[in-house]
């Protein structure tokens, strides 16, 4: 059954438990088109959006690593992943960028060797 974007947002705003369960279930292939029958983000772009969301909420390194691995498996490059951090910097603010950068580096397999940072 195809749902209009307005209906999807209305149901999410109302806390529709069935829809919320569907959208928070971590299934890499799940996307907007499966929900609505409309145009969706492709797998690569969904991975980048997932990374942006995790960076915005200051997710732990292990969660970010999982999202980065998923994104890289779609052909996304490390440059694109870092580009997500840079593209969201003006909305997230400098404090969030400074907090997210080392976690993202570890998720990409880089060791920045920062003093007084424990990797969490």
PDB file of N, CA and C in Angstrom:
ATOM      1  N   UNK A   1       0.834  -1.178   0.000  1.00  0.00           N
ATOM      2  CA  UNK A   1       0.000   0.000   0.000  1.00  0.00           C
ATOM      3  C   UNK A   1       0.880   1.244   0.000  1.00  0.00           C
ATOM      4  N   UNK A   2       0.662   2.112  -0.936  1.00  0.00           N
ATOM      5  CA  UNK A   2       1.440   3.336  -1.059  1.00  0.00           C
ATOM      6  C   UNK A   2       0.884   4.412  -0.146  1.00  0.00           C
ATOM      7  N   UNK A   3       1.767   5.047   0.614  1.00  0.00           N
ATOM      8  CA  UNK A   3       1.366   6.144   1.483  1.00  0.00           C
ATOM      9  C   UNK A   3       1.984   7.434   0.945  1.00  0.00           C
ATOM     10  N   UNK A   4       1.235   8.488   0.975  1.00  0.00           N
ATOM     11  CA  UNK A   4       1.738   9.793   0.559  1.00  0.00           C
ATOM     12  C   UNK A   4       2.723  10.308   1.606  1.00  0.00           C
ATOM     13  N   UNK A   5       3.718  11.099   1.183  1.00  0.00           N
ATOM     14  CA  UNK A   5       4.691  11.631   2.147  1.00  0.00           C
ATOM     15  C   UNK A   5       4.045  12.342   3.332  1.00  0.00           C
ATOM     16  N   UNK A   6       2.993  13.106   3.062  1.00  0.00           N
ATOM     17  CA  UNK A   6       2.309  13.811   4.152  1.00  0.00           C
ATOM     18  C   UNK A   6       1.736  12.822   5.161  1.00  0.00           C
ATOM     19  N   UNK A   7       1.150  11.721   4.665  1.00  0.00           N
ATOM     20  CA  UNK A   7       0.589  10.704   5.542  1.00  0.00           C
ATOM     21  C   UNK A   7       1.683  10.021   6.358  1.00  0.00           C
ATOM     22  N   UNK A   8       2.808   9.736   5.713  1.00  0.00           N
ATOM     23  CA  UNK A   8       3.929   9.117   6.427  1.00  0.00           C
ATOM     24  C   UNK A   8       4.364  10.017   7.577  1.00  0.00           C
ATOM     25  N   UNK A   9       4.544  11.298   7.311  1.00  0.00           N
ATOM     26  CA  UNK A   9       4.974  12.232   8.362  1.00  0.00           C
ATOM     27  C   UNK A   9       3.906  12.371   9.445  1.00  0.00           C
ATOM     28  N   UNK A  10       2.633  12.368   9.051  1.00  0.00           N
ATOM     29  CA  UNK A  10       1.550  12.456  10.028  1.00  0.00           C
ATOM     30  C   UNK A  10       1.589  11.233  10.953  1.00  0.00           C
ATOM     31  N   UNK A  11       1.738  10.062  10.371  1.00  0.00           N
ATOM     32  CA  UNK A  11       1.764   8.836  11.170  1.00  0.00           C
ATOM     33  C   UNK A  11       2.986   8.795  12.092  1.00  0.00           C
ATOM     34  N   UNK A  12       4.135   9.230  11.584  1.00  0.00           N
ATOM     35  CA  UNK A  12       5.326   9.269  12.433  1.00  0.00           C
ATOM     36  C   UNK A  12       5.148  10.270  13.563  1.00  0.00           C
ATOM     37  N   UNK A  13       4.587  11.430  13.250  1.00  0.00           N
ATOM     38  CA  UNK A  13       4.348  12.464  14.263  1.00  0.00           C
ATOM     39  C   UNK A  13       3.378  11.997  15.336  1.00  0.00           C
ATOM     40  N   UNK A  14       2.424  11.161  14.941  1.00  0.00           N
ATOM     41  CA  UNK A  14       1.428  10.646  15.881  1.00  0.00           C
ATOM     42  C   UNK A  14       1.950   9.446  16.670  1.00  0.00           C
ATOM     43  N   UNK A  15       3.158   8.990  16.337  1.00  0.00           N
ATOM     44  CA  UNK A  15       3.723   7.851  17.060  1.00  0.00           C
ATOM     45  C   UNK A  15       3.139   6.520  16.640  1.00  0.00           C
ATOM     46  N   UNK A  16       2.728   6.388  15.388  1.00  0.00           N
ATOM     47  CA  UNK A  16       2.187   5.133  14.864  1.00  0.00           C
ATOM     48  C   UNK A  16       3.199   4.014  15.127  1.00  0.00           C
ATOM     49  N   UNK A  17       2.871   3.139  16.073  1.00  0.00           N
ATOM     50  CA  UNK A  17       3.827   2.125  16.515  1.00  0.00           C
ATOM     51  C   UNK A  17       4.270   1.185  15.398  1.00  0.00           C
ATOM     52  N   UNK A  18       3.359   0.768  14.553  1.00  0.00           N
ATOM     53  CA  UNK A  18       3.711  -0.146  13.466  1.00  0.00           C
ATOM     54  C   UNK A  18       4.688   0.521  12.495  1.00  0.00           C
ATOM     55  N   UNK A  19       4.415   1.759  12.138  1.00  0.00           N
ATOM     56  CA  UNK A  19       5.302   2.470  11.221  1.00  0.00           C
ATOM     57  C   UNK A  19       6.644   2.780  11.882  1.00  0.00           C
ATOM     58  N   UNK A  20       6.619   3.206  13.135  1.00  0.00           N
ATOM     59  CA  UNK A  20       7.871   3.472  13.841  1.00  0.00           C
ATOM     60  C   UNK A  20       8.735   2.219  13.911  1.00  0.00           C
ATOM     61  N   UNK A  21       8.127   1.095  14.210  1.00  0.00           N
ATOM     62  CA  UNK A  21       8.876  -0.163  14.262  1.00  0.00           C
ATOM     63  C   UNK A  21       9.501  -0.458  12.900  1.00  0.00           C
ATOM     64  N   UNK A  22       8.739  -0.208  11.844  1.00  0.00           N
ATOM     65  CA  UNK A  22       9.243  -0.478  10.498  1.00  0.00           C
ATOM     66  C   UNK A  22      10.425   0.417  10.150  1.00  0.00           C
ATOM     67  N   UNK A  23      10.374   1.681  10.539  1.00  0.00           N
ATOM     68  CA  UNK A  23      11.447   2.585  10.128  1.00  0.00           C
ATOM     69  C   UNK A  23      12.679   2.515  11.019  1.00  0.00           C
ATOM     70  N   UNK A  24      12.550   2.026  12.243  1.00  0.00           N
ATOM     71  CA  UNK A  24      13.734   1.938  13.103  1.00  0.00           C
ATOM     72  C   UNK A  24      14.382   0.563  13.083  1.00  0.00           C
ATOM     73  N   UNK A  25      13.770  -0.386  12.411  1.00  0.00           N
ATOM     74  CA  UNK A  25      14.373  -1.705  12.283  1.00  0.00           C
ATOM     75  C   UNK A  25      15.598  -1.594  11.379  1.00  0.00           C
ATOM     76  N   UNK A  26      16.781  -1.978  11.883  1.00  0.00           N
ATOM     77  CA  UNK A  26      18.020  -1.783  11.107  1.00  0.00           C
ATOM     78  C   UNK A  26      18.182  -2.788   9.973  1.00  0.00           C
ATOM     79  N   UNK A  27      17.445  -2.573   8.914  1.00  0.00           N
ATOM     80  CA  UNK A  27      17.548  -3.405   7.731  1.00  0.00           C
ATOM     81  C   UNK A  27      18.151  -2.542   6.633  1.00  0.00           C
ATOM     82  N   UNK A  28      19.385  -2.811   6.204  1.00  0.00           N
ATOM     83  CA  UNK A  28      20.057  -1.929   5.246  1.00  0.00           C
ATOM     84  C   UNK A  28      19.291  -1.678   3.957  1.00  0.00           C
ATOM     85  N   UNK A  29      18.499  -2.628   3.513  1.00  0.00           N
ATOM     86  CA  UNK A  29      17.788  -2.461   2.246  1.00  0.00           C
ATOM     87  C   UNK A  29      16.476  -1.707   2.393  1.00  0.00           C
ATOM     88  N   UNK A  30      16.041  -1.430   3.628  1.00  0.00           N
ATOM     89  CA  UNK A  30      14.757  -0.761   3.826  1.00  0.00           C
ATOM     90  C   UNK A  30      14.893   0.709   3.466  1.00  0.00           C
ATOM     91  N   UNK A  31      13.974   1.227   2.758  1.00  0.00           N
ATOM     92  CA  UNK A  31      14.032   2.627   2.369  1.00  0.00           C
ATOM     93  C   UNK A  31      12.658   3.190   2.126  1.00  0.00           C
ATOM     94  N   UNK A  32      12.638   4.442   1.831  1.00  0.00           N
ATOM     95  CA  UNK A  32      11.402   5.172   1.649  1.00  0.00           C
ATOM     96  C   UNK A  32      10.541   4.575   0.540  1.00  0.00           C
ATOM     97  N   UNK A  33      11.136   4.102  -0.532  1.00  0.00           N
ATOM     98  CA  UNK A  33      10.328   3.575  -1.635  1.00  0.00           C
ATOM     99  C   UNK A  33       9.560   2.328  -1.223  1.00  0.00           C
ATOM    100  N   UNK A  34      10.144   1.504  -0.361  1.00  0.00           N
ATOM    101  CA  UNK A  34       9.449   0.317   0.098  1.00  0.00           C
ATOM    102  C   UNK A  34       8.229   0.703   0.930  1.00  0.00           C
ATOM    103  N   UNK A  35       8.316   1.845   1.595  1.00  0.00           N
ATOM    104  CA  UNK A  35       7.230   2.320   2.432  1.00  0.00           C
ATOM    105  C   UNK A  35       6.156   3.003   1.611  1.00  0.00           C
ATOM    106  N   UNK A  36       6.564   3.783   0.639  1.00  0.00           N
ATOM    107  CA  UNK A  36       5.609   4.625  -0.066  1.00  0.00           C
ATOM    108  C   UNK A  36       5.369   4.226  -1.505  1.00  0.00           C
ATOM    109  N   UNK A  37       6.259   3.442  -2.081  1.00  0.00           N
ATOM    110  CA  UNK A  37       6.142   3.138  -3.494  1.00  0.00           C
ATOM    111  C   UNK A  37       6.689   4.254  -4.367  1.00  0.00           C
ATOM    112  N   UNK A  38       7.244   5.289  -3.745  1.00  0.00           N
ATOM    113  CA  UNK A  38       7.772   6.431  -4.482  1.00  0.00           C
ATOM    114  C   UNK A  38       9.273   6.342  -4.660  1.00  0.00           C
ATOM    115  N   UNK A  39       9.886   7.435  -5.030  1.00  0.00           N
ATOM    116  CA  UNK A  39      11.334   7.493  -5.203  1.00  0.00           C
ATOM    117  C   UNK A  39      12.004   7.389  -3.837  1.00  0.00           C
ATOM    118  N   UNK A  40      13.108   6.700  -3.798  1.00  0.00           N
ATOM    119  CA  UNK A  40      13.821   6.507  -2.535  1.00  0.00           C
ATOM    120  C   UNK A  40      15.261   6.940  -2.679  1.00  0.00           C
ATOM    121  N   UNK A  41      15.897   7.038  -1.559  1.00  0.00           N
ATOM    122  CA  UNK A  41      17.340   7.220  -1.558  1.00  0.00           C
ATOM    123  C   UNK A  41      17.949   5.890  -1.964  1.00  0.00           C
ATOM    124  N   UNK A  42      18.971   5.935  -2.799  1.00  0.00           N
ATOM    125  CA  UNK A  42      19.617   4.680  -3.138  1.00  0.00           C
ATOM    126  C   UNK A  42      20.424   4.191  -1.938  1.00  0.00           C
ATOM    127  N   UNK A  43      20.896   2.981  -2.032  1.00  0.00           N
ATOM    128  CA  UNK A  43      21.595   2.337  -0.914  1.00  0.00           C
ATOM    129  C   UNK A  43      22.803   3.150  -0.445  1.00  0.00           C
ATOM    130  N   UNK A  44      23.556   3.673  -1.387  1.00  0.00           N
ATOM    131  CA  UNK A  44      24.748   4.461  -1.048  1.00  0.00           C
ATOM    132  C   UNK A  44      24.360   5.727  -0.284  1.00  0.00           C
ATOM    133  N   UNK A  45      23.356   6.438  -0.780  1.00  0.00           N
ATOM    134  CA  UNK A  45      22.948   7.681  -0.132  1.00  0.00           C
ATOM    135  C   UNK A  45      22.334   7.422   1.236  1.00  0.00           C
ATOM    136  N   UNK A  46      21.569   6.329   1.373  1.00  0.00           N
ATOM    137  CA  UNK A  46      21.020   5.983   2.691  1.00  0.00           C
ATOM    138  C   UNK A  46      22.142   5.756   3.696  1.00  0.00           C
ATOM    139  N   UNK A  47      23.229   5.137   3.249  1.00  0.00           N
ATOM    140  CA  UNK A  47      24.362   4.922   4.148  1.00  0.00           C
ATOM    141  C   UNK A  47      24.975   6.224   4.615  1.00  0.00           C
ATOM    142  N   UNK A  48      25.102   7.173   3.715  1.00  0.00           N
ATOM    143  CA  UNK A  48      25.664   8.474   4.079  1.00  0.00           C
ATOM    144  C   UNK A  48      24.732   9.242   5.016  1.00  0.00           C
ATOM    145  N   UNK A  49      23.441   9.171   4.757  1.00  0.00           N
ATOM    146  CA  UNK A  49      22.471   9.828   5.636  1.00  0.00           C
ATOM    147  C   UNK A  49      22.512   9.197   7.024  1.00  0.00           C
ATOM    148  N   UNK A  50      22.629   7.870   7.075  1.00  0.00           N
ATOM    149  CA  UNK A  50      22.724   7.169   8.357  1.00  0.00           C
ATOM    150  C   UNK A  50      23.942   7.661   9.138  1.00  0.00           C
ATOM    151  N   UNK A  51      25.059   7.830   8.460  1.00  0.00           N
ATOM    152  CA  UNK A  51      26.265   8.329   9.124  1.00  0.00           C
ATOM    153  C   UNK A  51      26.029   9.740   9.651  1.00  0.00           C
ATOM    154  N   UNK A  52      25.417  10.587   8.843  1.00  0.00           N
ATOM    155  CA  UNK A  52      25.132  11.963   9.285  1.00  0.00           C
ATOM    156  C   UNK A  52      24.279  11.973  10.548  1.00  0.00           C
ATOM    157  N   UNK A  53      23.272  11.121  10.585  1.00  0.00           N
ATOM    158  CA  UNK A  53      22.403  11.068  11.768  1.00  0.00           C
ATOM    159  C   UNK A  53      23.174  10.597  12.991  1.00  0.00           C
ATOM    160  N   UNK A  54      24.004   9.587  12.818  1.00  0.00           N
ATOM    161  CA  UNK A  54      24.781   9.082  13.952  1.00  0.00           C
ATOM    162  C   UNK A  54      25.774  10.115  14.465  1.00  0.00           C
ATOM    163  N   UNK A  55      26.385  10.848  13.555  1.00  0.00           N
ATOM    164  CA  UNK A  55      27.299  11.909  13.978  1.00  0.00           C
ATOM    165  C   UNK A  55      26.541  12.993  14.742  1.00  0.00           C
ATOM    166  N   UNK A  56      25.339  13.326  14.285  1.00  0.00           N
ATOM    167  CA  UNK A  56      24.545  14.379  14.905  1.00  0.00           C
ATOM    168  C   UNK A  56      24.133  14.037  16.335  1.00  0.00           C
ATOM    169  N   UNK A  57      23.925  12.754  16.600  1.00  0.00           N
ATOM    170  CA  UNK A  57      23.505  12.362  17.956  1.00  0.00           C
ATOM    171  C   UNK A  57      24.684  11.887  18.798  1.00  0.00           C
ATOM    172  N   UNK A  58      25.890  12.068  18.294  1.00  0.00           N
ATOM    173  CA  UNK A  58      27.107  11.707  19.036  1.00  0.00           C
ATOM    174  C   UNK A  58      27.126  10.218  19.380  1.00  0.00           C
ATOM    175  N   UNK A  59      26.795   9.402  18.389  1.00  0.00           N
ATOM    176  CA  UNK A  59      26.764   7.952  18.582  1.00  0.00           C
ATOM    177  C   UNK A  59      28.145   7.423  18.955  1.00  0.00           C
ATOM    178  N   UNK A  60      28.194   6.312  19.676  1.00  0.00           N
ATOM    179  CA  UNK A  60      29.483   5.734  20.035  1.00  0.00           C
ATOM    180  C   UNK A  60      30.247   5.247  18.794  1.00  0.00           C
ATOM    181  N   UNK A  61      31.527   5.115  18.956  1.00  0.00           N
ATOM    182  CA  UNK A  61      32.404   4.719  17.853  1.00  0.00           C
ATOM    183  C   UNK A  61      31.976   3.394  17.233  1.00  0.00           C
ATOM    184  N   UNK A  62      31.587   2.436  18.039  1.00  0.00           N
ATOM    185  CA  UNK A  62      31.219   1.128  17.482  1.00  0.00           C
ATOM    186  C   UNK A  62      29.996   1.228  16.576  1.00  0.00           C
ATOM    187  N   UNK A  63      29.049   2.052  16.936  1.00  0.00           N
ATOM    188  CA  UNK A  63      27.870   2.247  16.094  1.00  0.00           C
ATOM    189  C   UNK A  63      28.255   2.953  14.803  1.00  0.00           C
ATOM    190  N   UNK A  64      29.108   3.957  14.917  1.00  0.00           N
ATOM    191  CA  UNK A  64      29.575   4.664  13.727  1.00  0.00           C
ATOM    192  C   UNK A  64      30.375   3.733  12.824  1.00  0.00           C
ATOM    193  N   UNK A  65      31.167   2.863  13.425  1.00  0.00           N
ATOM    194  CA  UNK A  65      31.958   1.911  12.638  1.00  0.00           C
ATOM    195  C   UNK A  65      31.046   1.001  11.822  1.00  0.00           C
ATOM    196  N   UNK A  66      29.962   0.532  12.442  1.00  0.00           N
ATOM    197  CA  UNK A  66      29.003  -0.316  11.735  1.00  0.00           C
ATOM    198  C   UNK A  66      28.417   0.436  10.543  1.00  0.00           C
ATOM    199  N   UNK A  67      28.016   1.679  10.754  1.00  0.00           N
ATOM    200  CA  UNK A  67      27.412   2.469   9.671  1.00  0.00           C
ATOM    201  C   UNK A  67      28.425   2.746   8.566  1.00  0.00           C
ATOM    202  N   UNK A  68      29.661   3.028   8.941  1.00  0.00           N
ATOM    203  CA  UNK A  68      30.705   3.288   7.944  1.00  0.00           C
ATOM    204  C   UNK A  68      30.977   2.021   7.144  1.00  0.00           C
ATOM    205  N   UNK A  69      31.061   0.878   7.804  1.00  0.00           N
ATOM    206  CA  UNK A  69      31.280  -0.385   7.086  1.00  0.00           C
ATOM    207  C   UNK A  69      30.147  -0.647   6.101  1.00  0.00           C
ATOM    208  N   UNK A  70      28.917  -0.393   6.528  1.00  0.00           N
ATOM    209  CA  UNK A  70      27.768  -0.561   5.637  1.00  0.00           C
ATOM    210  C   UNK A  70      27.884   0.367   4.433  1.00  0.00           C
ATOM    211  N   UNK A  71      28.247   1.620   4.682  1.00  0.00           N
ATOM    212  CA  UNK A  71      28.371   2.592   3.593  1.00  0.00           C
ATOM    213  C   UNK A  71      29.500   2.210   2.643  1.00  0.00           C
ATOM    214  N   UNK A  72      30.627   1.800   3.180  1.00  0.00           N
ATOM    215  CA  UNK A  72      31.761   1.426   2.332  1.00  0.00           C
ATOM    216  C   UNK A  72      31.428   0.207   1.476  1.00  0.00           C
ATOM    217  N   UNK A  73      30.572  -0.666   1.988  1.00  0.00           N
ATOM    218  CA  UNK A  73      30.198  -1.857   1.221  1.00  0.00           C
ATOM    219  C   UNK A  73      29.344  -1.517   0.002  1.00  0.00           C
ATOM    220  N   UNK A  74      28.827  -0.307  -0.043  1.00  0.00           N
ATOM    221  CA  UNK A  74      28.019   0.130  -1.187  1.00  0.00           C
ATOM    222  C   UNK A  74      28.853   0.861  -2.227  1.00  0.00           C
ATOM    223  N   UNK A  75      30.145   0.980  -1.977  1.00  0.00           N
ATOM    224  CA  UNK A  75      31.001   1.697  -2.918  1.00  0.00           C
ATOM    225  C   UNK A  75      31.303   3.122  -2.490  1.00  0.00           C
ATOM    226  N   UNK A  76      30.766   3.529  -1.359  1.00  0.00           N
ATOM    227  CA  UNK A  76      31.067   4.850  -0.829  1.00  0.00           C
ATOM    228  C   UNK A  76      32.549   4.914  -0.476  1.00  0.00           C
ATOM    229  N   UNK A  77      33.157   6.057  -0.681  1.00  0.00           N
ATOM    230  CA  UNK A  77      34.576   6.231  -0.374  1.00  0.00           C
ATOM    231  C   UNK A  77      34.763   6.902   0.980  1.00  0.00           C
ATOM    232  N   UNK A  78      35.967   6.796   1.518  1.00  0.00           N
ATOM    233  CA  UNK A  78      36.299   7.499   2.755  1.00  0.00           C
ATOM    234  C   UNK A  78      36.148   9.006   2.552  1.00  0.00           C
ATOM    235  N   UNK A  79      36.476   9.504   1.354  1.00  0.00           N
ATOM    236  CA  UNK A  79      36.302  10.927   1.066  1.00  0.00           C
ATOM    237  C   UNK A  79      34.842  11.346   1.232  1.00  0.00           C
ATOM    238  N   UNK A  80      33.923  10.518   0.745  1.00  0.00           N
ATOM    239  CA  UNK A  80      32.495  10.836   0.860  1.00  0.00           C
ATOM    240  C   UNK A  80      32.051  10.810   2.322  1.00  0.00           C
ATOM    241  N   UNK A  81      32.562   9.865   3.089  1.00  0.00           N
ATOM    242  CA  UNK A  81      32.199   9.767   4.506  1.00  0.00           C
ATOM    243  C   UNK A  81      32.677  11.008   5.246  1.00  0.00           C
ATOM    244  N   UNK A  82      33.902  11.428   4.998  1.00  0.00           N
ATOM    245  CA  UNK A  82      34.414  12.653   5.622  1.00  0.00           C
ATOM    246  C   UNK A  82      33.624  13.851   5.115  1.00  0.00           C
ATOM    247  N   UNK A  83      33.214  13.808   3.858  1.00  0.00           N
ATOM    248  CA  UNK A  83      32.396  14.879   3.294  1.00  0.00           C
ATOM    249  C   UNK A  83      31.087  15.060   4.044  1.00  0.00           C
ATOM    250  N   UNK A  84      30.530  13.974   4.577  1.00  0.00           N
ATOM    251  CA  UNK A  84      29.304  14.061   5.377  1.00  0.00           C
ATOM    252  C   UNK A  84      29.555  14.919   6.609  1.00  0.00           C
ATOM    253  N   UNK A  85      30.660  14.684   7.287  1.00  0.00           N
ATOM    254  CA  UNK A  85      30.994  15.473   8.469  1.00  0.00           C
ATOM    255  C   UNK A  85      31.151  16.945   8.101  1.00  0.00           C
ATOM    256  N   UNK A  86      31.846  17.196   7.019  1.00  0.00           N
ATOM    257  CA  UNK A  86      32.078  18.580   6.600  1.00  0.00           C
ATOM    258  C   UNK A  86      30.771  19.237   6.153  1.00  0.00           C
ATOM    259  N   UNK A  87      29.944  18.509   5.421  1.00  0.00           N
ATOM    260  CA  UNK A  87      28.690  19.073   4.917  1.00  0.00           C
ATOM    261  C   UNK A  87      27.717  19.415   6.038  1.00  0.00           C
ATOM    262  N   UNK A  88      27.801  18.713   7.149  1.00  0.00           N
ATOM    263  CA  UNK A  88      26.878  18.967   8.258  1.00  0.00           C
ATOM    264  C   UNK A  88      27.474  19.876   9.330  1.00  0.00           C
ATOM    265  N   UNK A  89      28.699  20.302   9.150  1.00  0.00           N
ATOM    266  CA  UNK A  89      29.390  21.087  10.173  1.00  0.00           C
ATOM    267  C   UNK A  89      28.675  22.394  10.502  1.00  0.00           C
ATOM    268  N   UNK A  90      28.144  23.075   9.489  1.00  0.00           N
ATOM    269  CA  UNK A  90      27.508  24.356   9.780  1.00  0.00           C
ATOM    270  C   UNK A  90      26.223  24.182  10.589  1.00  0.00           C
ATOM    271  N   UNK A  91      25.537  23.044  10.456  1.00  0.00           N
ATOM    272  CA  UNK A  91      24.346  22.787  11.259  1.00  0.00           C
ATOM    273  C   UNK A  91      24.706  22.210  12.625  1.00  0.00           C
ATOM    274  N   UNK A  92      25.696  21.353  12.665  1.00  0.00           N
ATOM    275  CA  UNK A  92      26.057  20.669  13.911  1.00  0.00           C
ATOM    276  C   UNK A  92      26.845  21.567  14.858  1.00  0.00           C
ATOM    277  N   UNK A  93      27.651  22.447  14.321  1.00  0.00           N
ATOM    278  CA  UNK A  93      28.477  23.319  15.145  1.00  0.00           C
ATOM    279  C   UNK A  93      29.864  22.747  15.373  1.00  0.00           C
ATOM    280  N   UNK A  94      30.750  23.614  15.750  1.00  0.00           N
ATOM    281  CA  UNK A  94      32.144  23.212  15.890  1.00  0.00           C
ATOM    282  C   UNK A  94      32.362  22.192  17.000  1.00  0.00           C
ATOM    283  N   UNK A  95      31.651  22.335  18.110  1.00  0.00           N
ATOM    284  CA  UNK A  95      31.836  21.385  19.213  1.00  0.00           C
ATOM    285  C   UNK A  95      31.464  19.972  18.765  1.00  0.00           C
ATOM    286  N   UNK A  96      30.378  19.841  18.016  1.00  0.00           N
ATOM    287  CA  UNK A  96      29.962  18.521  17.539  1.00  0.00           C
ATOM    288  C   UNK A  96      30.957  17.966  16.526  1.00  0.00           C
ATOM    289  N   UNK A  97      31.487  18.814  15.665  1.00  0.00           N
ATOM    290  CA  UNK A  97      32.466  18.364  14.678  1.00  0.00           C
ATOM    291  C   UNK A  97      33.725  17.870  15.381  1.00  0.00           C
ATOM    292  N   UNK A  98      34.189  18.610  16.378  1.00  0.00           N
ATOM    293  CA  UNK A  98      35.381  18.208  17.126  1.00  0.00           C
ATOM    294  C   UNK A  98      35.132  16.895  17.857  1.00  0.00           C
ATOM    295  N   UNK A  99      33.927  16.692  18.359  1.00  0.00           N
ATOM    296  CA  UNK A  99      33.581  15.448  19.044  1.00  0.00           C
ATOM    297  C   UNK A  99      33.447  14.283  18.068  1.00  0.00           C
ATOM    298  N   UNK A 100      32.876  14.547  16.899  1.00  0.00           N
ATOM    299  CA  UNK A 100      32.598  13.490  15.931  1.00  0.00           C
ATOM    300  C   UNK A 100      33.814  13.070  15.113  1.00  0.00           C
ATOM    301  N   UNK A 101      34.707  13.986  14.836  1.00  0.00           N
ATOM    302  CA  UNK A 101      35.833  13.705  13.943  1.00  0.00           C
ATOM    303  C   UNK A 101      36.684  12.512  14.396  1.00  0.00           C
ATOM    304  N   UNK A 102      37.093  12.430  15.650  1.00  0.00           N
ATOM    305  CA  UNK A 102      37.914  11.267  16.032  1.00  0.00           C
ATOM    306  C   UNK A 102      37.136   9.950  16.000  1.00  0.00           C
ATOM    307  N   UNK A 103      35.842   9.983  16.326  1.00  0.00           N
ATOM    308  CA  UNK A 103      35.029   8.769  16.242  1.00  0.00           C
ATOM    309  C   UNK A 103      34.911   8.306  14.792  1.00  0.00           C
ATOM    310  N   UNK A 104      34.716   9.264  13.911  1.00  0.00           N
ATOM    311  CA  UNK A 104      34.614   8.932  12.496  1.00  0.00           C
ATOM    312  C   UNK A 104      35.948   8.401  11.983  1.00  0.00           C
ATOM    313  N   UNK A 105      37.034   8.994  12.434  1.00  0.00           N
ATOM    314  CA  UNK A 105      38.363   8.514  12.035  1.00  0.00           C
ATOM    315  C   UNK A 105      38.557   7.058  12.446  1.00  0.00           C
ATOM    316  N   UNK A 106      38.211   6.727  13.679  1.00  0.00           N
ATOM    317  CA  UNK A 106      38.334   5.339  14.144  1.00  0.00           C
ATOM    318  C   UNK A 106      37.413   4.416  13.356  1.00  0.00           C
ATOM    319  N   UNK A 107      36.212   4.891  13.061  1.00  0.00           N
ATOM    320  CA  UNK A 107      35.268   4.079  12.285  1.00  0.00           C
ATOM    321  C   UNK A 107      35.817   3.781  10.900  1.00  0.00           C
ATOM    322  N   UNK A 108      36.612   4.698  10.362  1.00  0.00           N
ATOM    323  CA  UNK A 108      37.237   4.498   9.055  1.00  0.00           C
ATOM    324  C   UNK A 108      38.549   3.719   9.145  1.00  0.00           C
ATOM    325  N   UNK A 109      38.976   3.421  10.376  1.00  0.00           N
ATOM    326  CA  UNK A 109      40.208   2.655  10.549  1.00  0.00           C
ATOM    327  C   UNK A 109      41.450   3.515  10.675  1.00  0.00           C
ATOM    328  N   UNK A 110      41.271   4.817  10.888  1.00  0.00           N
ATOM    329  CA  UNK A 110      42.406   5.720  11.057  1.00  0.00           C
ATOM    330  C   UNK A 110      42.681   5.907  12.541  1.00  0.00           C
ATOM    331  N   UNK A 111      43.938   5.948  12.920  1.00  0.00           N
ATOM    332  CA  UNK A 111      44.315   6.224  14.303  1.00  0.00           C
ATOM    333  C   UNK A 111      44.952   7.599  14.327  1.00  0.00           C
ATOM    334  N   UNK A 112      44.262   8.570  14.896  1.00  0.00           N
ATOM    335  CA  UNK A 112      44.754   9.948  14.908  1.00  0.00           C
ATOM    336  C   UNK A 112      45.763  10.200  16.020  1.00  0.00           C
ATOM    337  N   UNK A 113      45.894   9.248  16.934  1.00  0.00           N
ATOM    338  CA  UNK A 113      46.841   9.364  18.051  1.00  0.00           C
ATOM    339  C   UNK A 113      46.678  10.680  18.791  1.00  0.00           C
ATOM    340  N   UNK A 114      45.466  10.929  19.270  1.00  0.00           N
ATOM    341  CA  UNK A 114      45.169  12.145  20.006  1.00  0.00           C
ATOM    342  C   UNK A 114      45.433  11.941  21.488  1.00  0.00           C
ATOM    343  N   UNK A 115      46.086  12.899  22.108  1.00  0.00           N
ATOM    344  CA  UNK A 115      46.316  12.833  23.549  1.00  0.00           C
ATOM    345  C   UNK A 115      44.999  13.028  24.284  1.00  0.00           C
ATOM    346  N   UNK A 116      44.867  12.375  25.411  1.00  0.00           N
ATOM    347  CA  UNK A 116      43.707  12.526  26.285  1.00  0.00           C
ATOM    348  C   UNK A 116      42.390  12.173  25.614  1.00  0.00           C
ATOM    349  N   UNK A 117      42.412  11.258  24.656  1.00  0.00           N
ATOM    350  CA  UNK A 117      41.153  10.801  24.044  1.00  0.00           C
ATOM    351  C   UNK A 117      41.141   9.290  24.115  1.00  0.00           C
ATOM    352  N   UNK A 118      40.081   8.735  24.690  1.00  0.00           N
ATOM    353  CA  UNK A 118      40.035   7.298  24.935  1.00  0.00           C
ATOM    354  C   UNK A 118      39.283   6.504  23.858  1.00  0.00           C
ATOM    355  N   UNK A 119      38.784   7.162  22.831  1.00  0.00           N
ATOM    356  CA  UNK A 119      38.127   6.451  21.751  1.00  0.00           C
ATOM    357  C   UNK A 119      36.648   6.205  21.949  1.00  0.00           C
ATOM    358  N   UNK A 120      36.059   6.792  22.990  1.00  0.00           N
ATOM    359  CA  UNK A 120      34.627   6.606  23.208  1.00  0.00           C
ATOM    360  C   UNK A 120      33.832   7.758  22.692  1.00  0.00           C
TER     361      UNK A 120
END
